[in-house]
Amino acid sequence: MKKGMELGCQAVCEVMVTPDMFAQFEGKVVHPVYSTVSMVHSMEWASRKIILPFLEDWEEGMGASVKLKHIAPAGEGSLVRVVATLVKKERNLVYTDVEAYTNNRLIGKGEVVQVILQKEEISSKIQQALEGGRK
């Protein structure tokens, strides 16, 4: 990774809640609000935005873990603002604390961990997974 990524740096992801983000299973809406799955996606995206400027051409980040507490709902048309804050770097692991807000109300919080790997290593892992799925 390139130098310059400092603890405390932040990145933001903002999304407007739309029906495709509702909590649903097998095409049936369970709750017409911002789903936990959508919140995870937004938290991963905000966290990824922290690492992007620091990746070398031969590197890529992958999600390693997500911890999330979904605290409150956000309905259709709500603007959700997700803030990721870099809290720890350890070897090739990058840890961010994330919080999601709508109307300045905390609706979710958690942690995203990303692993930084060589693109070749990622390609190899993907190829192995594809070959293993064909057996």
N, C-alpha and C. Protein backbone atom coordinates (compact mmCIF):
# COMPACT_ATOMS: atom_id res chain seq x y z
N MET A 1 0.83 -1.18 0.00
CA MET A 1 0.00 0.00 0.00
C MET A 1 0.87 1.25 0.00
N LYS A 2 0.35 2.26 -0.63
CA LYS A 2 1.04 3.54 -0.65
C LYS A 2 0.98 4.17 0.73
N LYS A 3 1.92 5.02 1.02
CA LYS A 3 1.96 5.70 2.31
C LYS A 3 0.90 6.80 2.36
N GLY A 4 0.54 7.18 3.58
CA GLY A 4 -0.36 8.32 3.76
C GLY A 4 -1.70 7.99 4.39
N MET A 5 -2.09 6.72 4.44
CA MET A 5 -3.36 6.37 5.06
C MET A 5 -3.19 6.43 6.58
N GLU A 6 -3.82 7.40 7.19
CA GLU A 6 -3.65 7.66 8.61
C GLU A 6 -4.88 7.27 9.42
N LEU A 7 -4.65 6.79 10.63
CA LEU A 7 -5.76 6.50 11.54
C LEU A 7 -6.60 7.76 11.70
N GLY A 8 -7.90 7.56 11.75
CA GLY A 8 -8.81 8.69 11.91
C GLY A 8 -9.36 9.22 10.61
N CYS A 9 -8.75 8.84 9.47
CA CYS A 9 -9.29 9.34 8.21
C CYS A 9 -10.68 8.74 7.98
N GLN A 10 -11.51 9.47 7.25
CA GLN A 10 -12.90 9.06 7.07
C GLN A 10 -13.29 9.07 5.60
N ALA A 11 -14.32 8.30 5.31
CA ALA A 11 -14.96 8.31 3.99
C ALA A 11 -16.46 8.16 4.22
N VAL A 12 -17.22 8.69 3.27
CA VAL A 12 -18.67 8.74 3.41
C VAL A 12 -19.34 8.11 2.19
N CYS A 13 -20.42 7.42 2.45
CA CYS A 13 -21.29 6.88 1.41
C CYS A 13 -22.69 7.38 1.73
N GLU A 14 -23.35 8.00 0.77
CA GLU A 14 -24.72 8.44 0.97
C GLU A 14 -25.62 7.74 -0.05
N VAL A 15 -26.74 7.22 0.44
CA VAL A 15 -27.71 6.54 -0.43
C VAL A 15 -29.11 6.99 -0.07
N MET A 16 -29.95 7.06 -1.09
CA MET A 16 -31.37 7.33 -0.91
C MET A 16 -32.07 5.98 -0.90
N VAL A 17 -32.85 5.71 0.12
CA VAL A 17 -33.52 4.41 0.24
C VAL A 17 -34.58 4.28 -0.85
N THR A 18 -34.46 3.20 -1.63
CA THR A 18 -35.40 2.88 -2.70
C THR A 18 -35.99 1.49 -2.45
N PRO A 19 -37.08 1.15 -3.10
CA PRO A 19 -37.72 -0.16 -2.86
C PRO A 19 -36.80 -1.36 -3.06
N ASP A 20 -35.80 -1.26 -3.95
CA ASP A 20 -34.89 -2.40 -4.13
C ASP A 20 -33.99 -2.62 -2.92
N MET A 21 -33.96 -1.66 -1.99
CA MET A 21 -33.17 -1.79 -0.76
C MET A 21 -34.00 -2.31 0.41
N PHE A 22 -35.28 -2.56 0.19
CA PHE A 22 -36.16 -3.02 1.27
C PHE A 22 -35.75 -4.42 1.73
N ALA A 23 -36.09 -4.73 2.98
CA ALA A 23 -35.86 -6.07 3.52
C ALA A 23 -36.80 -7.03 2.79
N GLN A 24 -36.19 -8.00 2.08
CA GLN A 24 -36.99 -8.93 1.30
C GLN A 24 -36.30 -10.28 1.16
N PHE A 25 -37.11 -11.29 1.00
CA PHE A 25 -36.60 -12.64 0.78
C PHE A 25 -37.42 -13.28 -0.33
N GLU A 26 -36.73 -13.92 -1.26
CA GLU A 26 -37.36 -14.60 -2.39
C GLU A 26 -38.35 -13.69 -3.11
N GLY A 27 -37.97 -12.41 -3.25
CA GLY A 27 -38.79 -11.47 -3.98
C GLY A 27 -39.97 -10.89 -3.23
N LYS A 28 -40.14 -11.27 -1.98
CA LYS A 28 -41.26 -10.76 -1.19
C LYS A 28 -40.73 -9.79 -0.14
N VAL A 29 -41.27 -8.57 -0.13
CA VAL A 29 -40.87 -7.56 0.85
C VAL A 29 -41.40 -7.96 2.21
N VAL A 30 -40.48 -8.03 3.17
CA VAL A 30 -40.84 -8.34 4.55
C VAL A 30 -41.16 -7.05 5.30
N HIS A 31 -40.29 -6.05 5.10
CA HIS A 31 -40.46 -4.73 5.72
C HIS A 31 -40.09 -3.69 4.66
N PRO A 32 -40.92 -2.67 4.45
CA PRO A 32 -40.61 -1.66 3.44
C PRO A 32 -39.66 -0.58 3.97
N VAL A 33 -38.48 -1.03 4.43
CA VAL A 33 -37.46 -0.14 4.97
C VAL A 33 -36.08 -0.62 4.53
N TYR A 34 -35.08 0.23 4.70
CA TYR A 34 -33.68 -0.06 4.38
C TYR A 34 -33.26 -1.34 5.08
N SER A 35 -32.87 -2.33 4.29
CA SER A 35 -32.54 -3.65 4.84
C SER A 35 -31.15 -3.69 5.46
N THR A 36 -30.95 -4.68 6.28
CA THR A 36 -29.63 -4.90 6.86
C THR A 36 -28.62 -5.22 5.76
N VAL A 37 -29.04 -5.98 4.76
CA VAL A 37 -28.15 -6.31 3.64
C VAL A 37 -27.71 -5.02 2.93
N SER A 38 -28.64 -4.11 2.71
CA SER A 38 -28.29 -2.85 2.06
C SER A 38 -27.35 -2.02 2.94
N MET A 39 -27.56 -2.07 4.25
CA MET A 39 -26.69 -1.33 5.16
C MET A 39 -25.27 -1.90 5.11
N VAL A 40 -25.16 -3.22 5.08
CA VAL A 40 -23.84 -3.84 4.97
C VAL A 40 -23.15 -3.36 3.69
N HIS A 41 -23.87 -3.36 2.58
CA HIS A 41 -23.29 -2.90 1.32
C HIS A 41 -22.77 -1.47 1.44
N SER A 42 -23.57 -0.58 2.01
CA SER A 42 -23.17 0.81 2.16
C SER A 42 -21.96 0.95 3.08
N MET A 43 -21.93 0.15 4.14
CA MET A 43 -20.79 0.20 5.07
C MET A 43 -19.52 -0.31 4.40
N GLU A 44 -19.65 -1.37 3.62
CA GLU A 44 -18.47 -1.87 2.89
C GLU A 44 -17.98 -0.84 1.88
N TRP A 45 -18.91 -0.16 1.20
CA TRP A 45 -18.52 0.82 0.20
C TRP A 45 -17.82 2.01 0.85
N ALA A 46 -18.36 2.52 1.95
CA ALA A 46 -17.70 3.64 2.64
C ALA A 46 -16.30 3.23 3.10
N SER A 47 -16.16 2.02 3.61
CA SER A 47 -14.86 1.54 4.06
C SER A 47 -13.90 1.36 2.89
N ARG A 48 -14.39 0.87 1.78
CA ARG A 48 -13.55 0.70 0.60
C ARG A 48 -13.03 2.03 0.10
N LYS A 49 -13.83 3.07 0.20
CA LYS A 49 -13.41 4.39 -0.26
C LYS A 49 -12.18 4.88 0.51
N ILE A 50 -11.98 4.38 1.72
CA ILE A 50 -10.78 4.75 2.48
C ILE A 50 -9.52 4.16 1.85
N ILE A 51 -9.58 2.92 1.41
CA ILE A 51 -8.37 2.26 0.90
C ILE A 51 -8.05 2.60 -0.55
N LEU A 52 -9.06 2.95 -1.34
CA LEU A 52 -8.85 3.12 -2.78
C LEU A 52 -7.67 4.01 -3.17
N PRO A 53 -7.50 5.19 -2.55
CA PRO A 53 -6.37 6.04 -2.97
C PRO A 53 -4.99 5.47 -2.63
N PHE A 54 -4.96 4.44 -1.80
CA PHE A 54 -3.68 3.94 -1.30
C PHE A 54 -3.28 2.58 -1.88
N LEU A 55 -4.13 2.01 -2.72
CA LEU A 55 -3.80 0.73 -3.33
C LEU A 55 -2.77 0.92 -4.43
N GLU A 56 -1.78 0.05 -4.44
CA GLU A 56 -0.83 0.01 -5.55
C GLU A 56 -1.54 -0.61 -6.75
N ASP A 57 -0.98 -0.43 -7.95
CA ASP A 57 -1.61 -0.99 -9.16
C ASP A 57 -1.77 -2.50 -9.09
N TRP A 58 -0.91 -3.17 -8.36
CA TRP A 58 -0.92 -4.63 -8.28
C TRP A 58 -1.69 -5.14 -7.07
N GLU A 59 -2.37 -4.25 -6.34
CA GLU A 59 -3.11 -4.63 -5.13
C GLU A 59 -4.61 -4.45 -5.31
N GLU A 60 -5.34 -5.15 -4.46
CA GLU A 60 -6.79 -4.98 -4.39
C GLU A 60 -7.23 -5.31 -2.97
N GLY A 61 -8.33 -4.74 -2.56
CA GLY A 61 -8.89 -5.03 -1.25
C GLY A 61 -10.06 -6.00 -1.37
N MET A 62 -10.22 -6.80 -0.33
CA MET A 62 -11.36 -7.73 -0.27
C MET A 62 -11.96 -7.63 1.12
N GLY A 63 -13.26 -7.80 1.19
CA GLY A 63 -13.91 -7.83 2.49
C GLY A 63 -13.48 -9.07 3.26
N ALA A 64 -13.13 -8.87 4.53
CA ALA A 64 -12.73 -9.99 5.38
C ALA A 64 -13.77 -10.27 6.45
N SER A 65 -14.38 -9.21 6.99
CA SER A 65 -15.46 -9.41 7.96
C SER A 65 -16.28 -8.13 8.11
N VAL A 66 -17.51 -8.33 8.51
CA VAL A 66 -18.41 -7.22 8.81
C VAL A 66 -19.15 -7.56 10.10
N LYS A 67 -19.15 -6.62 11.03
CA LYS A 67 -19.97 -6.72 12.23
C LYS A 67 -20.92 -5.54 12.18
N LEU A 68 -22.19 -5.80 12.43
CA LEU A 68 -23.18 -4.75 12.25
C LEU A 68 -24.30 -4.88 13.27
N LYS A 69 -24.67 -3.75 13.84
CA LYS A 69 -25.86 -3.69 14.68
C LYS A 69 -26.82 -2.73 13.99
N HIS A 70 -27.94 -3.27 13.52
CA HIS A 70 -28.97 -2.47 12.85
C HIS A 70 -29.91 -1.96 13.94
N ILE A 71 -29.87 -0.66 14.21
CA ILE A 71 -30.51 -0.07 15.38
C ILE A 71 -31.92 0.44 15.12
N ALA A 72 -32.13 1.06 13.95
CA ALA A 72 -33.43 1.68 13.68
C ALA A 72 -33.71 1.66 12.18
N PRO A 73 -34.98 1.74 11.80
CA PRO A 73 -35.34 1.70 10.38
C PRO A 73 -35.16 3.04 9.68
N ALA A 74 -35.09 2.96 8.35
CA ALA A 74 -35.09 4.14 7.48
C ALA A 74 -36.02 3.81 6.32
N GLY A 75 -37.02 4.62 6.12
CA GLY A 75 -38.03 4.36 5.10
C GLY A 75 -37.64 4.84 3.72
N GLU A 76 -38.48 4.49 2.75
CA GLU A 76 -38.26 4.90 1.37
C GLU A 76 -38.10 6.41 1.28
N GLY A 77 -37.12 6.84 0.52
CA GLY A 77 -36.85 8.27 0.35
C GLY A 77 -35.92 8.86 1.39
N SER A 78 -35.59 8.09 2.42
CA SER A 78 -34.66 8.58 3.45
C SER A 78 -33.26 8.65 2.86
N LEU A 79 -32.52 9.68 3.24
CA LEU A 79 -31.11 9.78 2.88
C LEU A 79 -30.31 9.14 4.01
N VAL A 80 -29.58 8.09 3.68
CA VAL A 80 -28.74 7.41 4.67
C VAL A 80 -27.30 7.83 4.41
N ARG A 81 -26.66 8.29 5.45
CA ARG A 81 -25.26 8.72 5.39
C ARG A 81 -24.44 7.75 6.23
N VAL A 82 -23.51 7.07 5.59
CA VAL A 82 -22.65 6.10 6.26
C VAL A 82 -21.24 6.68 6.33
N VAL A 83 -20.69 6.73 7.54
CA VAL A 83 -19.36 7.27 7.76
C VAL A 83 -18.44 6.14 8.24
N ALA A 84 -17.36 5.93 7.51
CA ALA A 84 -16.35 4.95 7.90
C ALA A 84 -15.13 5.70 8.41
N THR A 85 -14.58 5.22 9.53
CA THR A 85 -13.40 5.84 10.14
C THR A 85 -12.32 4.78 10.31
N LEU A 86 -11.14 5.05 9.78
CA LEU A 86 -10.02 4.11 9.92
C LEU A 86 -9.56 4.08 11.37
N VAL A 87 -9.60 2.90 11.99
CA VAL A 87 -9.23 2.79 13.40
C VAL A 87 -8.01 1.91 13.65
N LYS A 88 -7.62 1.10 12.64
CA LYS A 88 -6.49 0.20 12.88
C LYS A 88 -5.97 -0.33 11.54
N LYS A 89 -4.64 -0.42 11.43
CA LYS A 89 -3.98 -1.09 10.32
C LYS A 89 -3.03 -2.11 10.93
N GLU A 90 -3.14 -3.34 10.49
CA GLU A 90 -2.31 -4.41 11.03
C GLU A 90 -1.90 -5.33 9.88
N ARG A 91 -0.62 -5.31 9.54
CA ARG A 91 -0.11 -6.05 8.38
C ARG A 91 -0.92 -5.64 7.14
N ASN A 92 -1.62 -6.57 6.54
CA ASN A 92 -2.41 -6.25 5.35
C ASN A 92 -3.91 -6.14 5.66
N LEU A 93 -4.25 -5.92 6.93
CA LEU A 93 -5.65 -5.76 7.34
C LEU A 93 -5.94 -4.30 7.67
N VAL A 94 -7.10 -3.84 7.22
CA VAL A 94 -7.53 -2.46 7.45
C VAL A 94 -8.88 -2.52 8.16
N TYR A 95 -8.95 -1.90 9.34
CA TYR A 95 -10.16 -1.92 10.17
C TYR A 95 -10.82 -0.55 10.16
N THR A 96 -12.13 -0.54 9.95
CA THR A 96 -12.88 0.71 10.01
C THR A 96 -14.09 0.54 10.93
N ASP A 97 -14.35 1.57 11.71
CA ASP A 97 -15.62 1.66 12.43
C ASP A 97 -16.57 2.39 11.51
N VAL A 98 -17.82 1.93 11.47
CA VAL A 98 -18.80 2.53 10.57
C VAL A 98 -20.07 2.88 11.33
N GLU A 99 -20.67 3.99 10.94
CA GLU A 99 -21.95 4.40 11.52
C GLU A 99 -22.86 4.87 10.40
N ALA A 100 -24.13 4.52 10.50
CA ALA A 100 -25.13 4.92 9.52
C ALA A 100 -26.15 5.83 10.20
N TYR A 101 -26.47 6.93 9.52
CA TYR A 101 -27.40 7.92 10.06
C TYR A 101 -28.47 8.27 9.03
N THR A 102 -29.62 8.63 9.49
CA THR A 102 -30.61 9.30 8.68
C THR A 102 -31.22 10.41 9.55
N ASN A 103 -31.28 11.60 8.99
CA ASN A 103 -31.76 12.77 9.75
C ASN A 103 -31.02 12.92 11.09
N ASN A 104 -29.71 12.72 11.06
CA ASN A 104 -28.85 12.81 12.26
C ASN A 104 -29.22 11.81 13.34
N ARG A 105 -29.95 10.77 12.98
CA ARG A 105 -30.33 9.70 13.91
C ARG A 105 -29.54 8.45 13.57
N LEU A 106 -28.83 7.92 14.56
CA LEU A 106 -28.02 6.71 14.35
C LEU A 106 -28.96 5.53 14.08
N ILE A 107 -28.75 4.87 12.93
CA ILE A 107 -29.59 3.72 12.61
C ILE A 107 -28.78 2.42 12.52
N GLY A 108 -27.45 2.54 12.54
CA GLY A 108 -26.62 1.34 12.49
C GLY A 108 -25.18 1.67 12.81
N LYS A 109 -24.48 0.68 13.35
CA LYS A 109 -23.06 0.86 13.63
C LYS A 109 -22.38 -0.49 13.56
N GLY A 110 -21.08 -0.46 13.30
CA GLY A 110 -20.36 -1.72 13.21
C GLY A 110 -18.91 -1.54 12.85
N GLU A 111 -18.35 -2.61 12.29
CA GLU A 111 -16.94 -2.64 11.92
C GLU A 111 -16.80 -3.40 10.60
N VAL A 112 -15.95 -2.89 9.73
CA VAL A 112 -15.61 -3.58 8.48
C VAL A 112 -14.10 -3.81 8.49
N VAL A 113 -13.70 -5.03 8.16
CA VAL A 113 -12.29 -5.36 8.02
C VAL A 113 -12.06 -5.75 6.56
N GLN A 114 -11.03 -5.15 5.97
CA GLN A 114 -10.64 -5.48 4.60
C GLN A 114 -9.22 -6.03 4.62
N VAL A 115 -8.96 -6.95 3.72
CA VAL A 115 -7.61 -7.49 3.57
C VAL A 115 -7.08 -7.00 2.23
N ILE A 116 -5.84 -6.55 2.23
CA ILE A 116 -5.19 -6.07 1.02
C ILE A 116 -4.29 -7.19 0.50
N LEU A 117 -4.54 -7.61 -0.74
CA LEU A 117 -3.79 -8.70 -1.34
C LEU A 117 -3.30 -8.31 -2.73
N GLN A 118 -2.35 -9.07 -3.22
CA GLN A 118 -1.92 -8.90 -4.60
C GLN A 118 -3.04 -9.39 -5.51
N LYS A 119 -3.26 -8.68 -6.60
CA LYS A 119 -4.31 -9.06 -7.54
C LYS A 119 -4.13 -10.50 -8.03
N GLU A 120 -2.89 -10.91 -8.25
CA GLU A 120 -2.62 -12.28 -8.70
C GLU A 120 -3.11 -13.30 -7.67
N GLU A 121 -2.91 -13.01 -6.39
CA GLU A 121 -3.35 -13.92 -5.34
C GLU A 121 -4.88 -14.01 -5.33
N ILE A 122 -5.54 -12.89 -5.51
CA ILE A 122 -7.00 -12.88 -5.55
C ILE A 122 -7.49 -13.69 -6.74
N SER A 123 -6.89 -13.48 -7.90
CA SER A 123 -7.28 -14.24 -9.09
C SER A 123 -7.12 -15.73 -8.89
N SER A 124 -6.03 -16.11 -8.24
CA SER A 124 -5.79 -17.52 -7.95
C SER A 124 -6.87 -18.10 -7.03
N LYS A 125 -7.21 -17.35 -6.00
CA LYS A 125 -8.25 -17.80 -5.07
C LYS A 125 -9.60 -17.93 -5.77
N ILE A 126 -9.91 -16.99 -6.65
CA ILE A 126 -11.18 -17.04 -7.38
C ILE A 126 -11.18 -18.26 -8.31
N GLN A 127 -10.08 -18.48 -9.01
CA GLN A 127 -9.99 -19.63 -9.92
C GLN A 127 -10.17 -20.94 -9.15
N GLN A 128 -9.54 -21.05 -7.99
CA GLN A 128 -9.68 -22.26 -7.17
C GLN A 128 -11.13 -22.46 -6.75
N ALA A 129 -11.80 -21.37 -6.39
CA ALA A 129 -13.20 -21.46 -5.97
C ALA A 129 -14.08 -21.89 -7.13
N LEU A 130 -13.81 -21.35 -8.33
CA LEU A 130 -14.59 -21.73 -9.51
C LEU A 130 -14.38 -23.19 -9.87
N GLU A 131 -13.14 -23.64 -9.80
CA GLU A 131 -12.84 -25.04 -10.11
C GLU A 131 -13.46 -25.97 -9.07
N GLY A 132 -13.43 -25.56 -7.81
CA GLY A 132 -14.02 -26.37 -6.75
C GLY A 132 -15.53 -26.47 -6.86
N GLY A 133 -16.15 -25.43 -7.41
CA GLY A 133 -17.60 -25.43 -7.57
C GLY A 133 -18.08 -26.32 -8.70
N ARG A 134 -17.16 -26.70 -9.59
CA ARG A 134 -17.54 -27.54 -10.74
C ARG A 134 -17.43 -29.03 -10.43
N LYS A 135 -16.89 -29.35 -9.28
CA LYS A 135 -16.67 -30.77 -8.95
C LYS A 135 -17.91 -31.40 -8.36
